[in-house]
All heavy atoms as atom14 arrays in JSON, in Angstrom:
{
  "sequence": "HHQEEIIHKLAMQLRNIGDSIDRGMVQEDLLQQEVREALAHCVLVF",
  "atom14_mask": [
    [1, 1, 1, 1, 1, 1, 1, 1, 1, 1, 0, 0, 0, 0],
    [1, 1, 1, 1, 1, 1, 1, 1, 1, 1, 0, 0, 0, 0],
    [1, 1, 1, 1, 1, 1, 1, 1, 1, 0, 0, 0, 0, 0],
    [1, 1, 1, 1, 1, 1, 1, 1, 1, 0, 0, 0, 0, 0],
    [1, 1, 1, 1, 1, 1, 1, 1, 1, 0, 0, 0, 0, 0],
    [1, 1, 1, 1, 1, 1, 1, 1, 0, 0, 0, 0, 0, 0],
    [1, 1, 1, 1, 1, 1, 1, 1, 0, 0, 0, 0, 0, 0],
    [1, 1, 1, 1, 1, 1, 1, 1, 1, 1, 0, 0, 0, 0],
    [1, 1, 1, 1, 1, 1, 1, 1, 1, 0, 0, 0, 0, 0],
    [1, 1, 1, 1, 1, 1, 1, 1, 0, 0, 0, 0, 0, 0],
    [1, 1, 1, 1, 1, 0, 0, 0, 0, 0, 0, 0, 0, 0],
    [1, 1, 1, 1, 1, 1, 1, 1, 0, 0, 0, 0, 0, 0],
    [1, 1, 1, 1, 1, 1, 1, 1, 1, 0, 0, 0, 0, 0],
    [1, 1, 1, 1, 1, 1, 1, 1, 0, 0, 0, 0, 0, 0],
    [1, 1, 1, 1, 1, 1, 1, 1, 1, 1, 1, 0, 0, 0],
    [1, 1, 1, 1, 1, 1, 1, 1, 0, 0, 0, 0, 0, 0],
    [1, 1, 1, 1, 1, 1, 1, 1, 0, 0, 0, 0, 0, 0],
    [1, 1, 1, 1, 0, 0, 0, 0, 0, 0, 0, 0, 0, 0],
    [1, 1, 1, 1, 1, 1, 1, 1, 0, 0, 0, 0, 0, 0],
    [1, 1, 1, 1, 1, 1, 0, 0, 0, 0, 0, 0, 0, 0],
    [1, 1, 1, 1, 1, 1, 1, 1, 0, 0, 0, 0, 0, 0],
    [1, 1, 1, 1, 1, 1, 1, 1, 0, 0, 0, 0, 0, 0],
    [1, 1, 1, 1, 1, 1, 1, 1, 1, 1, 1, 0, 0, 0],
    [1, 1, 1, 1, 0, 0, 0, 0, 0, 0, 0, 0, 0, 0],
    [1, 1, 1, 1, 1, 1, 1, 1, 0, 0, 0, 0, 0, 0],
    [1, 1, 1, 1, 1, 1, 1, 0, 0, 0, 0, 0, 0, 0],
    [1, 1, 1, 1, 1, 1, 1, 1, 1, 0, 0, 0, 0, 0],
    [1, 1, 1, 1, 1, 1, 1, 1, 1, 0, 0, 0, 0, 0],
    [1, 1, 1, 1, 1, 1, 1, 1, 0, 0, 0, 0, 0, 0],
    [1, 1, 1, 1, 1, 1, 1, 1, 0, 0, 0, 0, 0, 0],
    [1, 1, 1, 1, 1, 1, 1, 1, 0, 0, 0, 0, 0, 0],
    [1, 1, 1, 1, 1, 1, 1, 1, 1, 0, 0, 0, 0, 0],
    [1, 1, 1, 1, 1, 1, 1, 1, 1, 0, 0, 0, 0, 0],
    [1, 1, 1, 1, 1, 1, 1, 1, 1, 0, 0, 0, 0, 0],
    [1, 1, 1, 1, 1, 1, 1, 0, 0, 0, 0, 0, 0, 0],
    [1, 1, 1, 1, 1, 1, 1, 1, 1, 1, 1, 0, 0, 0],
    [1, 1, 1, 1, 1, 1, 1, 1, 1, 0, 0, 0, 0, 0],
    [1, 1, 1, 1, 1, 0, 0, 0, 0, 0, 0, 0, 0, 0],
    [1, 1, 1, 1, 1, 1, 1, 1, 0, 0, 0, 0, 0, 0],
    [1, 1, 1, 1, 1, 0, 0, 0, 0, 0, 0, 0, 0, 0],
    [1, 1, 1, 1, 1, 1, 1, 1, 1, 1, 0, 0, 0, 0],
    [1, 1, 1, 1, 1, 1, 0, 0, 0, 0, 0, 0, 0, 0],
    [1, 1, 1, 1, 1, 1, 1, 0, 0, 0, 0, 0, 0, 0],
    [1, 1, 1, 1, 1, 1, 1, 1, 0, 0, 0, 0, 0, 0],
    [1, 1, 1, 1, 1, 1, 1, 0, 0, 0, 0, 0, 0, 0],
    [1, 1, 1, 1, 1, 1, 1, 1, 1, 1, 1, 0, 0, 0]
  ],
  "atom14_positions": [
    [[-247.16, 116.64, -74.75], [-246.01, 116.88, -75.62], [-245.46, 115.56, -76.14], [-245.13, 115.44, -77.33], [-244.93, 117.65, -74.86], [-243.71, 117.95, -75.68], [-243.75, 118.86, -76.72], [-242.45, 117.45, -75.64], [-242.54, 118.9, -77.28], [-241.75, 118.05, -76.64], [0.0, 0.0, 0.0], [0.0, 0.0, 0.0], [0.0, 0.0, 0.0], [0.0, 0.0, 0.0]],
    [[-245.39, 114.56, -75.27], [-244.91, 113.24, -75.68], [-245.84, 112.63, -76.74], [-245.38, 112.06, -77.73], [-244.8, 112.32, -74.46], [-244.33, 110.95, -74.77], [-243.05, 110.69, -75.2], [-244.97, 109.74, -74.73], [-242.91, 109.4, -75.41], [-244.06, 108.8, -75.13], [0.0, 0.0, 0.0], [0.0, 0.0, 0.0], [0.0, 0.0, 0.0], [0.0, 0.0, 0.0]],
    [[-247.14, 112.77, -76.53], [-248.1, 112.25, -77.51], [-247.97, 112.97, -78.84], [-248.05, 112.36, -79.9], [-249.52, 112.39, -76.97], [-249.84, 111.42, -75.86], [-251.22, 111.65, -75.27], [-251.86, 112.67, -75.54], [-251.66, 110.73, -74.45], [0.0, 0.0, 0.0], [0.0, 0.0, 0.0], [0.0, 0.0, 0.0], [0.0, 0.0, 0.0], [0.0, 0.0, 0.0]],
    [[-247.73, 114.29, -78.79], [-247.54, 115.04, -80.03], [-246.29, 114.57, -80.77], [-246.3, 114.47, -82.0], [-247.44, 116.54, -79.73], [-248.76, 117.17, -79.34], [-248.6, 118.63, -78.96], [-247.49, 119.18, -79.11], [-249.6, 119.22, -78.52], [0.0, 0.0, 0.0], [0.0, 0.0, 0.0], [0.0, 0.0, 0.0], [0.0, 0.0, 0.0], [0.0, 0.0, 0.0]],
    [[-245.22, 114.27, -80.02], [-244.0, 113.76, -80.65], [-244.26, 112.42, -81.33], [-243.81, 112.18, -82.45], [-242.89, 113.61, -79.61], [-242.29, 114.91, -79.14], [-241.23, 114.7, -78.07], [-241.06, 113.55, -77.6], [-240.58, 115.68, -77.71], [0.0, 0.0, 0.0], [0.0, 0.0, 0.0], [0.0, 0.0, 0.0], [0.0, 0.0, 0.0], [0.0, 0.0, 0.0]],
    [[-244.99, 111.55, -80.65], [-245.31, 110.24, -81.22], [-246.16, 110.41, -82.47], [-245.91, 109.77, -83.5], [-246.03, 109.36, -80.17], [-245.05, 108.98, -79.06], [-246.62, 108.11, -80.82], [-245.69, 108.26, -77.9], [0.0, 0.0, 0.0], [0.0, 0.0, 0.0], [0.0, 0.0, 0.0], [0.0, 0.0, 0.0], [0.0, 0.0, 0.0], [0.0, 0.0, 0.0]],
    [[-247.15, 111.28, -82.41], [-248.02, 111.52, -83.57], [-247.19, 112.06, -84.73], [-247.36, 111.65, -85.88], [-249.17, 112.47, -83.2], [-250.15, 111.76, -82.26], [-249.88, 112.99, -84.44], [-251.19, 112.67, -81.66], [0.0, 0.0, 0.0], [0.0, 0.0, 0.0], [0.0, 0.0, 0.0], [0.0, 0.0, 0.0], [0.0, 0.0, 0.0], [0.0, 0.0, 0.0]],
    [[-246.27, 112.98, -84.44], [-245.42, 113.54, -85.49], [-244.54, 112.46, -86.12], [-244.42, 112.38, -87.35], [-244.55, 114.66, -84.92], [-243.64, 115.28, -85.93], [-244.11, 116.11, -86.93], [-242.31, 115.19, -86.11], [-243.09, 116.49, -87.68], [-241.98, 115.95, -87.2], [0.0, 0.0, 0.0], [0.0, 0.0, 0.0], [0.0, 0.0, 0.0], [0.0, 0.0, 0.0]],
    [[-243.96, 111.58, -85.29], [-243.13, 110.49, -85.82], [-243.95, 109.54, -86.69], [-243.5, 109.12, -87.76], [-242.48, 109.71, -84.67], [-241.36, 110.45, -83.99], [-240.79, 109.65, -82.84], [-239.73, 110.42, -82.08], [-239.22, 109.67, -80.93], [0.0, 0.0, 0.0], [0.0, 0.0, 0.0], [0.0, 0.0, 0.0], [0.0, 0.0, 0.0], [0.0, 0.0, 0.0]],
    [[-245.15, 109.22, -86.24], [-246.02, 108.33, -87.02], [-246.42, 108.99, -88.34], [-246.47, 108.33, -89.38], [-247.26, 107.94, -86.22], [-247.01, 107.01, -85.03], [-248.29, 106.84, -84.22], [-246.5, 105.67, -85.51], [0.0, 0.0, 0.0], [0.0, 0.0, 0.0], [0.0, 0.0, 0.0], [0.0, 0.0, 0.0], [0.0, 0.0, 0.0], [0.0, 0.0, 0.0]],
    [[-246.7, 110.29, -88.29], [-247.07, 111.0, -89.52], [-245.91, 111.0, -90.51], [-246.12, 110.8, -91.72], [-247.48, 112.44, -89.19], [0.0, 0.0, 0.0], [0.0, 0.0, 0.0], [0.0, 0.0, 0.0], [0.0, 0.0, 0.0], [0.0, 0.0, 0.0], [0.0, 0.0, 0.0], [0.0, 0.0, 0.0], [0.0, 0.0, 0.0], [0.0, 0.0, 0.0]],
    [[-244.69, 111.16, -90.01], [-243.52, 111.13, -90.9], [-243.31, 109.74, -91.49], [-242.97, 109.6, -92.66], [-242.26, 111.59, -90.14], [-242.29, 113.05, -89.71], [-242.59, 114.2, -91.08], [-241.11, 113.97, -92.03], [0.0, 0.0, 0.0], [0.0, 0.0, 0.0], [0.0, 0.0, 0.0], [0.0, 0.0, 0.0], [0.0, 0.0, 0.0], [0.0, 0.0, 0.0]],
    [[-243.54, 108.71, -90.68], [-243.42, 107.34, -91.2], [-244.46, 107.09, -92.28], [-244.15, 106.49, -93.32], [-243.58, 106.33, -90.07], [-242.38, 106.28, -89.13], [-242.61, 105.33, -87.97], [-243.7, 104.81, -87.77], [-241.56, 105.1, -87.19], [0.0, 0.0, 0.0], [0.0, 0.0, 0.0], [0.0, 0.0, 0.0], [0.0, 0.0, 0.0], [0.0, 0.0, 0.0]],
    [[-245.69, 107.54, -92.04], [-246.73, 107.37, -93.06], [-246.38, 108.14, -94.33], [-246.61, 107.66, -95.44], [-248.08, 107.85, -92.52], [-248.76, 106.91, -91.54], [-250.01, 107.57, -90.96], [-249.12, 105.6, -92.2], [0.0, 0.0, 0.0], [0.0, 0.0, 0.0], [0.0, 0.0, 0.0], [0.0, 0.0, 0.0], [0.0, 0.0, 0.0], [0.0, 0.0, 0.0]],
    [[-245.82, 109.32, -94.17], [-245.41, 110.11, -95.33], [-244.34, 109.37, -96.13], [-244.39, 109.31, -97.36], [-244.91, 111.47, -94.88], [-244.47, 112.36, -96.01], [-243.99, 113.68, -95.49], [-243.48, 114.49, -96.59], [-242.83, 115.62, -96.42], [-242.65, 116.1, -95.21], [-242.4, 116.29, -97.45], [0.0, 0.0, 0.0], [0.0, 0.0, 0.0], [0.0, 0.0, 0.0]],
    [[-243.36, 108.81, -95.42], [-242.3, 108.07, -96.09], [-242.85, 106.84, -96.81], [-242.43, 106.53, -97.93], [-241.22, 107.64, -95.09], [-240.41, 108.81, -94.59], [-240.37, 109.85, -95.22], [-239.8, 108.66, -93.43], [0.0, 0.0, 0.0], [0.0, 0.0, 0.0], [0.0, 0.0, 0.0], [0.0, 0.0, 0.0], [0.0, 0.0, 0.0], [0.0, 0.0, 0.0]],
    [[-243.79, 106.16, -96.19], [-244.42, 105.0, -96.83], [-245.16, 105.43, -98.08], [-245.03, 104.82, -99.14], [-245.38, 104.29, -95.84], [-244.58, 103.61, -94.73], [-246.26, 103.28, -96.57], [-245.43, 103.11, -93.59], [0.0, 0.0, 0.0], [0.0, 0.0, 0.0], [0.0, 0.0, 0.0], [0.0, 0.0, 0.0], [0.0, 0.0, 0.0], [0.0, 0.0, 0.0]],
    [[-245.91, 106.53, -97.99], [-246.63, 107.04, -99.15], [-245.7, 107.45, -100.27], [-245.94, 107.16, -101.44], [0.0, 0.0, 0.0], [0.0, 0.0, 0.0], [0.0, 0.0, 0.0], [0.0, 0.0, 0.0], [0.0, 0.0, 0.0], [0.0, 0.0, 0.0], [0.0, 0.0, 0.0], [0.0, 0.0, 0.0], [0.0, 0.0, 0.0], [0.0, 0.0, 0.0]],
    [[-244.58, 108.11, -99.91], [-243.61, 108.51, -100.93], [-243.0, 107.3, -101.62], [-242.83, 107.29, -102.84], [-242.5, 109.36, -100.3], [-242.98, 110.75, -99.9], [-244.09, 111.14, -100.33], [-242.25, 111.43, -99.15], [0.0, 0.0, 0.0], [0.0, 0.0, 0.0], [0.0, 0.0, 0.0], [0.0, 0.0, 0.0], [0.0, 0.0, 0.0], [0.0, 0.0, 0.0]],
    [[-242.68, 106.25, -100.85], [-242.08, 105.07, -101.47], [-243.09, 104.36, -102.36], [-242.72, 103.82, -103.41], [-241.52, 104.12, -100.41], [-242.55, 103.6, -99.61], [0.0, 0.0, 0.0], [0.0, 0.0, 0.0], [0.0, 0.0, 0.0], [0.0, 0.0, 0.0], [0.0, 0.0, 0.0], [0.0, 0.0, 0.0], [0.0, 0.0, 0.0], [0.0, 0.0, 0.0]],
    [[-244.35, 104.36, -101.97], [-245.39, 103.77, -102.82], [-245.51, 104.56, -104.12], [-245.59, 103.98, -105.2], [-246.74, 103.7, -102.08], [-246.67, 102.66, -100.97], [-247.88, 103.4, -103.04], [-247.86, 102.64, -100.06], [0.0, 0.0, 0.0], [0.0, 0.0, 0.0], [0.0, 0.0, 0.0], [0.0, 0.0, 0.0], [0.0, 0.0, 0.0], [0.0, 0.0, 0.0]],
    [[-245.49, 105.89, -104.02], [-245.57, 106.73, -105.22], [-244.39, 106.46, -106.15], [-244.57, 106.34, -107.36], [-245.59, 108.21, -104.84], [-246.94, 108.65, -104.29], [-247.93, 107.91, -104.49], [-247.0, 109.71, -103.66], [0.0, 0.0, 0.0], [0.0, 0.0, 0.0], [0.0, 0.0, 0.0], [0.0, 0.0, 0.0], [0.0, 0.0, 0.0], [0.0, 0.0, 0.0]],
    [[-243.17, 106.37, -105.58], [-241.99, 106.09, -106.41], [-242.13, 104.74, -107.09], [-241.8, 104.6, -108.26], [-240.72, 106.14, -105.56], [-240.24, 107.55, -105.28], [-238.83, 107.53, -104.71], [-238.72, 106.82, -103.45], [-238.91, 107.37, -102.24], [-239.22, 108.64, -102.15], [-238.8, 106.64, -101.15], [0.0, 0.0, 0.0], [0.0, 0.0, 0.0], [0.0, 0.0, 0.0]],
    [[-242.62, 103.75, -106.36], [-242.8, 102.42, -106.93], [-243.8, 102.44, -108.07], [-243.62, 101.78, -109.09], [0.0, 0.0, 0.0], [0.0, 0.0, 0.0], [0.0, 0.0, 0.0], [0.0, 0.0, 0.0], [0.0, 0.0, 0.0], [0.0, 0.0, 0.0], [0.0, 0.0, 0.0], [0.0, 0.0, 0.0], [0.0, 0.0, 0.0], [0.0, 0.0, 0.0]],
    [[-244.88, 103.21, -107.89], [-245.9, 103.28, -108.93], [-245.36, 103.99, -110.17], [-245.64, 103.59, -111.29], [-247.15, 103.96, -108.4], [-247.89, 103.14, -107.36], [-249.3, 103.98, -106.65], [-250.41, 103.99, -108.02], [0.0, 0.0, 0.0], [0.0, 0.0, 0.0], [0.0, 0.0, 0.0], [0.0, 0.0, 0.0], [0.0, 0.0, 0.0], [0.0, 0.0, 0.0]],
    [[-244.56, 105.04, -109.97], [-243.98, 105.76, -111.1], [-243.03, 104.84, -111.86], [-243.05, 104.78, -113.09], [-243.25, 107.04, -110.62], [-242.38, 107.61, -111.71], [-244.26, 108.07, -110.16], [0.0, 0.0, 0.0], [0.0, 0.0, 0.0], [0.0, 0.0, 0.0], [0.0, 0.0, 0.0], [0.0, 0.0, 0.0], [0.0, 0.0, 0.0], [0.0, 0.0, 0.0]],
    [[-242.19, 104.09, -111.12], [-241.27, 103.16, -111.77], [-242.04, 102.08, -112.53], [-241.66, 101.69, -113.62], [-240.34, 102.53, -110.74], [-239.34, 103.5, -110.17], [-238.53, 102.92, -109.03], [-238.81, 101.82, -108.57], [-237.54, 103.66, -108.57], [0.0, 0.0, 0.0], [0.0, 0.0, 0.0], [0.0, 0.0, 0.0], [0.0, 0.0, 0.0], [0.0, 0.0, 0.0]],
    [[-243.13, 101.61, -111.94], [-243.94, 100.59, -112.61], [-244.58, 101.16, -113.87], [-244.61, 100.49, -114.91], [-245.03, 100.1, -111.65], [-245.84, 98.95, -112.17], [-246.84, 98.46, -111.14], [-246.47, 98.3, -109.98], [-248.0, 98.23, -111.53], [0.0, 0.0, 0.0], [0.0, 0.0, 0.0], [0.0, 0.0, 0.0], [0.0, 0.0, 0.0], [0.0, 0.0, 0.0]],
    [[-245.05, 102.39, -113.81], [-245.63, 103.02, -114.99], [-244.59, 103.17, -116.1], [-244.88, 102.94, -117.27], [-246.22, 104.4, -114.65], [-247.49, 104.3, -113.82], [-248.08, 103.2, -113.78], [-247.89, 105.31, -113.23], [0.0, 0.0, 0.0], [0.0, 0.0, 0.0], [0.0, 0.0, 0.0], [0.0, 0.0, 0.0], [0.0, 0.0, 0.0], [0.0, 0.0, 0.0]],
    [[-243.37, 103.57, -115.73], [-242.3, 103.71, -116.72], [-241.97, 102.35, -117.34], [-241.76, 102.25, -118.55], [-241.05, 104.32, -116.09], [-241.15, 105.79, -115.7], [-239.89, 106.22, -114.96], [-241.38, 106.67, -116.92], [0.0, 0.0, 0.0], [0.0, 0.0, 0.0], [0.0, 0.0, 0.0], [0.0, 0.0, 0.0], [0.0, 0.0, 0.0], [0.0, 0.0, 0.0]],
    [[-241.93, 101.32, -116.53], [-241.64, 99.98, -117.04], [-242.74, 99.53, -117.99], [-242.45, 98.99, -119.07], [-241.51, 99.0, -115.88], [-241.2, 97.55, -116.26], [-239.85, 97.48, -116.97], [-241.2, 96.67, -115.03], [0.0, 0.0, 0.0], [0.0, 0.0, 0.0], [0.0, 0.0, 0.0], [0.0, 0.0, 0.0], [0.0, 0.0, 0.0], [0.0, 0.0, 0.0]],
    [[-243.99, 99.77, -117.62], [-245.09, 99.4, -118.51], [-245.01, 100.16, -119.83], [-245.28, 99.59, -120.88], [-246.43, 99.66, -117.82], [-246.75, 98.68, -116.72], [-248.06, 98.98, -116.03], [-248.69, 100.01, -116.28], [-248.48, 98.1, -115.15], [0.0, 0.0, 0.0], [0.0, 0.0, 0.0], [0.0, 0.0, 0.0], [0.0, 0.0, 0.0], [0.0, 0.0, 0.0]],
    [[-244.63, 101.43, -119.78], [-244.51, 102.21, -121.01], [-243.38, 101.67, -121.87], [-243.52, 101.57, -123.09], [-244.28, 103.69, -120.7], [-244.24, 104.53, -121.96], [-244.43, 106.0, -121.67], [-244.8, 106.37, -120.56], [-244.2, 106.82, -122.66], [0.0, 0.0, 0.0], [0.0, 0.0, 0.0], [0.0, 0.0, 0.0], [0.0, 0.0, 0.0], [0.0, 0.0, 0.0]],
    [[-242.26, 101.29, -121.25], [-241.16, 100.71, -122.01], [-241.58, 99.41, -122.68], [-241.22, 99.15, -123.82], [-239.96, 100.47, -121.1], [-239.26, 101.74, -120.65], [-238.14, 101.47, -119.65], [-237.89, 100.29, -119.35], [-237.54, 102.44, -119.18], [0.0, 0.0, 0.0], [0.0, 0.0, 0.0], [0.0, 0.0, 0.0], [0.0, 0.0, 0.0], [0.0, 0.0, 0.0]],
    [[-242.34, 98.59, -121.97], [-242.83, 97.33, -122.53], [-243.75, 97.6, -123.7], [-243.66, 96.95, -124.75], [-243.53, 96.48, -121.44], [-244.28, 95.31, -122.04], [-242.52, 96.0, -120.41], [0.0, 0.0, 0.0], [0.0, 0.0, 0.0], [0.0, 0.0, 0.0], [0.0, 0.0, 0.0], [0.0, 0.0, 0.0], [0.0, 0.0, 0.0], [0.0, 0.0, 0.0]],
    [[-244.64, 98.58, -123.56], [-245.56, 98.93, -124.67], [-244.8, 99.4, -125.89], [-245.11, 99.04, -127.02], [-246.55, 100.01, -124.21], [-247.67, 99.49, -123.35], [-248.76, 100.54, -123.2], [-248.28, 101.74, -122.53], [-248.46, 102.01, -121.25], [-249.09, 101.18, -120.49], [-248.0, 103.12, -120.74], [0.0, 0.0, 0.0], [0.0, 0.0, 0.0], [0.0, 0.0, 0.0]],
    [[-243.77, 100.24, -125.65], [-242.98, 100.74, -126.78], [-242.22, 99.6, -127.46], [-242.16, 99.54, -128.69], [-242.02, 101.82, -126.31], [-242.71, 103.12, -125.92], [-241.77, 104.12, -125.29], [-240.56, 103.8, -125.1], [-242.23, 105.22, -124.96], [0.0, 0.0, 0.0], [0.0, 0.0, 0.0], [0.0, 0.0, 0.0], [0.0, 0.0, 0.0], [0.0, 0.0, 0.0]],
    [[-241.66, 98.69, -126.68], [-240.95, 97.55, -127.26], [-241.91, 96.66, -128.04], [-241.59, 96.18, -129.14], [-240.26, 96.75, -126.17], [0.0, 0.0, 0.0], [0.0, 0.0, 0.0], [0.0, 0.0, 0.0], [0.0, 0.0, 0.0], [0.0, 0.0, 0.0], [0.0, 0.0, 0.0], [0.0, 0.0, 0.0], [0.0, 0.0, 0.0], [0.0, 0.0, 0.0]],
    [[-243.09, 96.44, -127.5], [-244.09, 95.63, -128.19], [-244.52, 96.3, -129.49], [-244.64, 95.64, -130.53], [-245.3, 95.4, -127.28], [-246.42, 94.54, -127.85], [-245.91, 93.14, -128.15], [-247.58, 94.48, -126.87], [0.0, 0.0, 0.0], [0.0, 0.0, 0.0], [0.0, 0.0, 0.0], [0.0, 0.0, 0.0], [0.0, 0.0, 0.0], [0.0, 0.0, 0.0]],
    [[-244.74, 97.6, -129.46], [-245.12, 98.32, -130.67], [-244.02, 98.21, -131.72], [-244.29, 98.01, -132.91], [-245.4, 99.79, -130.34], [0.0, 0.0, 0.0], [0.0, 0.0, 0.0], [0.0, 0.0, 0.0], [0.0, 0.0, 0.0], [0.0, 0.0, 0.0], [0.0, 0.0, 0.0], [0.0, 0.0, 0.0], [0.0, 0.0, 0.0], [0.0, 0.0, 0.0]],
    [[-242.76, 98.32, -131.3], [-241.63, 98.19, -132.22], [-241.62, 96.79, -132.85], [-241.45, 96.65, -134.07], [-240.32, 98.47, -131.5], [-239.12, 98.34, -132.36], [-238.8, 99.28, -133.33], [-238.17, 97.39, -132.44], [-237.7, 98.9, -133.95], [-237.29, 97.75, -133.42], [0.0, 0.0, 0.0], [0.0, 0.0, 0.0], [0.0, 0.0, 0.0], [0.0, 0.0, 0.0]],
    [[-241.81, 95.76, -132.04], [-241.83, 94.38, -132.56], [-242.97, 94.18, -133.55], [-242.8, 93.52, -134.58], [-241.97, 93.39, -131.4], [-240.48, 93.28, -130.39], [0.0, 0.0, 0.0], [0.0, 0.0, 0.0], [0.0, 0.0, 0.0], [0.0, 0.0, 0.0], [0.0, 0.0, 0.0], [0.0, 0.0, 0.0], [0.0, 0.0, 0.0], [0.0, 0.0, 0.0]],
    [[-244.14, 94.74, -133.25], [-245.28, 94.6, -134.16], [-244.98, 95.27, -135.49], [-245.25, 94.71, -136.57], [-246.56, 95.18, -133.5], [-247.69, 95.34, -134.51], [-247.0, 94.29, -132.34], [0.0, 0.0, 0.0], [0.0, 0.0, 0.0], [0.0, 0.0, 0.0], [0.0, 0.0, 0.0], [0.0, 0.0, 0.0], [0.0, 0.0, 0.0], [0.0, 0.0, 0.0]],
    [[-244.39, 96.48, -135.44], [-244.05, 97.18, -136.69], [-243.02, 96.4, -137.5], [-243.15, 96.28, -138.73], [-243.54, 98.58, -136.38], [-244.58, 99.58, -135.89], [-243.91, 100.9, -135.49], [-245.64, 99.82, -136.95], [0.0, 0.0, 0.0], [0.0, 0.0, 0.0], [0.0, 0.0, 0.0], [0.0, 0.0, 0.0], [0.0, 0.0, 0.0], [0.0, 0.0, 0.0]],
    [[-242.02, 95.87, -136.83], [-241.0, 95.1, -137.54], [-241.61, 93.85, -138.14], [-241.36, 93.49, -139.3], [-239.82, 94.74, -136.59], [-238.9, 93.71, -137.22], [-239.05, 96.0, -136.22], [0.0, 0.0, 0.0], [0.0, 0.0, 0.0], [0.0, 0.0, 0.0], [0.0, 0.0, 0.0], [0.0, 0.0, 0.0], [0.0, 0.0, 0.0], [0.0, 0.0, 0.0]],
    [[-242.47, 93.17, -137.38], [-243.1, 91.95, -137.87], [-243.95, 92.23, -139.11], [-243.83, 91.56, -140.14], [-243.97, 91.31, -136.78], [-244.77, 90.14, -137.24], [-244.17, 88.91, -137.45], [-246.13, 90.26, -137.49], [-244.9, 87.82, -137.88], [-246.86, 89.19, -137.92], [-246.26, 87.96, -138.12], [0.0, 0.0, 0.0], [0.0, 0.0, 0.0], [0.0, 0.0, 0.0]]
  ]
}
């Protein structure tokens, strides 16, 4: 039972790490898209 509790805690920690990585990747993708849109706007204006 103790080992199962430890495994469950570790699984939850891994899940939280995975979720935070996913959020970071989504934020990075949004930032890259914003940069692309700004660059496209500058090219059109130029």
